[in-house]
Amino acid sequence: MSPPAPTGGRRVRVHGESLGLAYNLADLSEFLRRAGLDVDPLTLAVSPLIDWRGIGPEYWGPETGR
């Protein structure tokens, strides 16, 4: 997961391919599902499969209100 963008959201990449912008864990879960990755949405924040860059899953940018 890229750091939060100045306008909100975080770029999701899987194996170097950009899948889009996620604004919360539900968005991230959907991007990963579409990419064929079976990840439990309840554990995404602490999953070793996710490389949180810049800041952890608690901040997604201005548009999320957090």
N, C-alpha and C. Protein backbone atom coordinates (compact mmCIF):
# COMPACT_ATOMS: atom_id res chain seq x y z
N MET A 1 0.84 -1.17 0.00
CA MET A 1 0.00 0.00 0.00
C MET A 1 0.88 1.23 0.00
N SER A 2 0.63 2.10 -0.97
CA SER A 2 1.36 3.36 -1.04
C SER A 2 0.93 4.25 0.12
N PRO A 3 1.73 5.28 0.40
CA PRO A 3 1.28 6.25 1.40
C PRO A 3 -0.01 6.93 0.92
N PRO A 4 -0.78 7.50 1.83
CA PRO A 4 -2.00 8.20 1.41
C PRO A 4 -1.67 9.34 0.44
N ALA A 5 -2.50 9.47 -0.59
CA ALA A 5 -2.35 10.55 -1.56
C ALA A 5 -2.83 11.86 -0.93
N PRO A 6 -2.32 13.00 -1.37
CA PRO A 6 -2.75 14.28 -0.82
C PRO A 6 -4.26 14.51 -0.93
N THR A 7 -4.87 13.93 -1.94
CA THR A 7 -6.32 14.09 -2.12
C THR A 7 -7.12 12.96 -1.50
N GLY A 8 -6.44 12.00 -0.87
CA GLY A 8 -7.11 10.87 -0.23
C GLY A 8 -6.95 9.59 -1.01
N GLY A 9 -7.03 8.49 -0.31
CA GLY A 9 -6.90 7.17 -0.92
C GLY A 9 -5.46 6.71 -0.97
N ARG A 10 -5.31 5.40 -1.15
CA ARG A 10 -3.98 4.79 -1.22
C ARG A 10 -3.94 3.87 -2.44
N ARG A 11 -2.88 3.99 -3.22
CA ARG A 11 -2.72 3.18 -4.42
C ARG A 11 -2.49 1.73 -4.02
N VAL A 12 -3.23 0.83 -4.65
CA VAL A 12 -3.10 -0.61 -4.41
C VAL A 12 -2.32 -1.22 -5.57
N ARG A 13 -1.25 -1.93 -5.24
CA ARG A 13 -0.45 -2.62 -6.25
C ARG A 13 -0.31 -4.08 -5.86
N VAL A 14 -0.42 -4.95 -6.85
CA VAL A 14 -0.18 -6.38 -6.65
C VAL A 14 0.84 -6.80 -7.69
N HIS A 15 1.98 -7.29 -7.25
CA HIS A 15 3.07 -7.69 -8.14
C HIS A 15 3.44 -6.58 -9.11
N GLY A 16 3.47 -5.33 -8.62
CA GLY A 16 3.86 -4.19 -9.43
C GLY A 16 2.77 -3.60 -10.29
N GLU A 17 1.62 -4.25 -10.37
CA GLU A 17 0.51 -3.74 -11.19
C GLU A 17 -0.43 -2.91 -10.33
N SER A 18 -0.70 -1.70 -10.78
CA SER A 18 -1.62 -0.82 -10.06
C SER A 18 -3.05 -1.27 -10.29
N LEU A 19 -3.79 -1.46 -9.19
CA LEU A 19 -5.18 -1.89 -9.27
C LEU A 19 -6.16 -0.76 -9.05
N GLY A 20 -5.70 0.36 -8.51
CA GLY A 20 -6.57 1.50 -8.27
C GLY A 20 -6.33 2.12 -6.91
N LEU A 21 -7.23 3.01 -6.51
CA LEU A 21 -7.15 3.68 -5.22
C LEU A 21 -8.15 3.08 -4.24
N ALA A 22 -7.66 2.77 -3.06
CA ALA A 22 -8.53 2.28 -1.98
C ALA A 22 -8.69 3.41 -0.97
N TYR A 23 -9.89 3.55 -0.45
CA TYR A 23 -10.17 4.58 0.54
C TYR A 23 -10.44 4.00 1.92
N ASN A 24 -10.40 2.67 2.03
CA ASN A 24 -10.61 2.00 3.31
C ASN A 24 -10.27 0.52 3.14
N LEU A 25 -10.35 -0.23 4.22
CA LEU A 25 -10.02 -1.66 4.17
C LEU A 25 -11.00 -2.45 3.30
N ALA A 26 -12.25 -2.01 3.24
CA ALA A 26 -13.23 -2.70 2.39
C ALA A 26 -12.83 -2.58 0.92
N ASP A 27 -12.39 -1.39 0.50
CA ASP A 27 -11.91 -1.21 -0.87
C ASP A 27 -10.70 -2.11 -1.14
N LEU A 28 -9.76 -2.11 -0.21
CA LEU A 28 -8.57 -2.94 -0.38
C LEU A 28 -8.95 -4.41 -0.52
N SER A 29 -9.85 -4.87 0.32
CA SER A 29 -10.30 -6.26 0.26
C SER A 29 -10.88 -6.59 -1.11
N GLU A 30 -11.67 -5.68 -1.67
CA GLU A 30 -12.29 -5.91 -2.98
C GLU A 30 -11.23 -5.95 -4.09
N PHE A 31 -10.27 -5.05 -4.06
CA PHE A 31 -9.19 -5.08 -5.06
C PHE A 31 -8.44 -6.41 -5.00
N LEU A 32 -8.13 -6.87 -3.80
CA LEU A 32 -7.40 -8.13 -3.66
C LEU A 32 -8.24 -9.31 -4.11
N ARG A 33 -9.53 -9.29 -3.83
CA ARG A 33 -10.42 -10.36 -4.28
C ARG A 33 -10.44 -10.42 -5.80
N ARG A 34 -10.54 -9.27 -6.44
CA ARG A 34 -10.55 -9.23 -7.91
C ARG A 34 -9.24 -9.71 -8.51
N ALA A 35 -8.15 -9.55 -7.75
CA ALA A 35 -6.84 -10.00 -8.21
C ALA A 35 -6.64 -11.49 -7.93
N GLY A 36 -7.64 -12.13 -7.32
CA GLY A 36 -7.56 -13.56 -7.06
C GLY A 36 -6.90 -13.93 -5.75
N LEU A 37 -6.74 -12.95 -4.86
CA LEU A 37 -6.13 -13.21 -3.56
C LEU A 37 -7.22 -13.38 -2.51
N ASP A 38 -7.20 -14.50 -1.85
CA ASP A 38 -8.19 -14.81 -0.82
C ASP A 38 -7.64 -14.37 0.53
N VAL A 39 -7.97 -13.14 0.92
CA VAL A 39 -7.49 -12.58 2.18
C VAL A 39 -8.69 -12.23 3.04
N ASP A 40 -8.65 -12.62 4.29
CA ASP A 40 -9.73 -12.32 5.22
C ASP A 40 -9.77 -10.81 5.48
N PRO A 41 -10.86 -10.13 5.12
CA PRO A 41 -10.93 -8.68 5.30
C PRO A 41 -10.70 -8.23 6.74
N LEU A 42 -11.03 -9.08 7.69
CA LEU A 42 -10.87 -8.70 9.10
C LEU A 42 -9.42 -8.69 9.55
N THR A 43 -8.53 -9.31 8.78
CA THR A 43 -7.12 -9.36 9.17
C THR A 43 -6.21 -8.54 8.25
N LEU A 44 -6.77 -7.80 7.31
CA LEU A 44 -5.95 -7.03 6.37
C LEU A 44 -5.01 -6.06 7.07
N ALA A 45 -5.47 -5.41 8.10
CA ALA A 45 -4.66 -4.40 8.78
C ALA A 45 -3.38 -4.97 9.37
N VAL A 46 -3.38 -6.25 9.69
CA VAL A 46 -2.20 -6.87 10.31
C VAL A 46 -1.61 -7.99 9.46
N SER A 47 -2.09 -8.15 8.25
CA SER A 47 -1.61 -9.22 7.38
C SER A 47 -0.16 -8.99 6.96
N PRO A 48 0.68 -10.03 7.04
CA PRO A 48 2.06 -9.90 6.56
C PRO A 48 2.13 -9.77 5.04
N LEU A 49 1.02 -9.98 4.35
CA LEU A 49 0.99 -9.85 2.89
C LEU A 49 0.93 -8.38 2.45
N ILE A 50 0.56 -7.49 3.37
CA ILE A 50 0.39 -6.08 3.03
C ILE A 50 1.59 -5.29 3.52
N ASP A 51 2.21 -4.55 2.60
CA ASP A 51 3.34 -3.68 2.93
C ASP A 51 2.80 -2.25 3.05
N TRP A 52 2.53 -1.83 4.28
CA TRP A 52 1.99 -0.49 4.51
C TRP A 52 3.14 0.51 4.45
N ARG A 53 3.10 1.42 3.49
CA ARG A 53 4.18 2.40 3.31
C ARG A 53 3.74 3.77 3.79
N GLY A 54 4.65 4.43 4.49
CA GLY A 54 4.37 5.78 4.98
C GLY A 54 3.67 5.80 6.32
N ILE A 55 2.58 5.07 6.42
CA ILE A 55 1.80 4.99 7.66
C ILE A 55 0.94 3.73 7.57
N GLY A 56 0.50 3.25 8.69
CA GLY A 56 -0.29 2.02 8.72
C GLY A 56 -1.72 2.21 8.22
N PRO A 57 -2.56 1.21 8.43
CA PRO A 57 -3.91 1.21 7.89
C PRO A 57 -4.89 2.16 8.59
N GLU A 58 -4.42 2.87 9.58
CA GLU A 58 -5.33 3.76 10.31
C GLU A 58 -5.59 5.08 9.58
N TYR A 59 -4.84 5.39 8.53
CA TYR A 59 -5.03 6.66 7.82
C TYR A 59 -5.08 6.44 6.32
N TRP A 60 -6.12 6.96 5.68
CA TRP A 60 -6.33 6.78 4.24
C TRP A 60 -6.34 8.10 3.49
N GLY A 61 -6.28 9.20 4.18
CA GLY A 61 -6.25 10.50 3.53
C GLY A 61 -7.46 11.35 3.86
N PRO A 62 -7.46 12.59 3.35
CA PRO A 62 -8.48 13.57 3.71
C PRO A 62 -9.91 13.15 3.45
N GLU A 63 -10.17 12.45 2.37
CA GLU A 63 -11.56 12.15 2.01
C GLU A 63 -12.21 11.09 2.89
N THR A 64 -11.41 10.41 3.69
CA THR A 64 -11.98 9.39 4.56
C THR A 64 -12.37 9.96 5.91
N GLY A 65 -11.95 11.19 6.17
CA GLY A 65 -12.26 11.80 7.46
C GLY A 65 -11.35 11.34 8.57
N ARG A 66 -10.29 10.61 8.21
CA ARG A 66 -9.34 10.16 9.24
C ARG A 66 -7.95 10.62 8.88
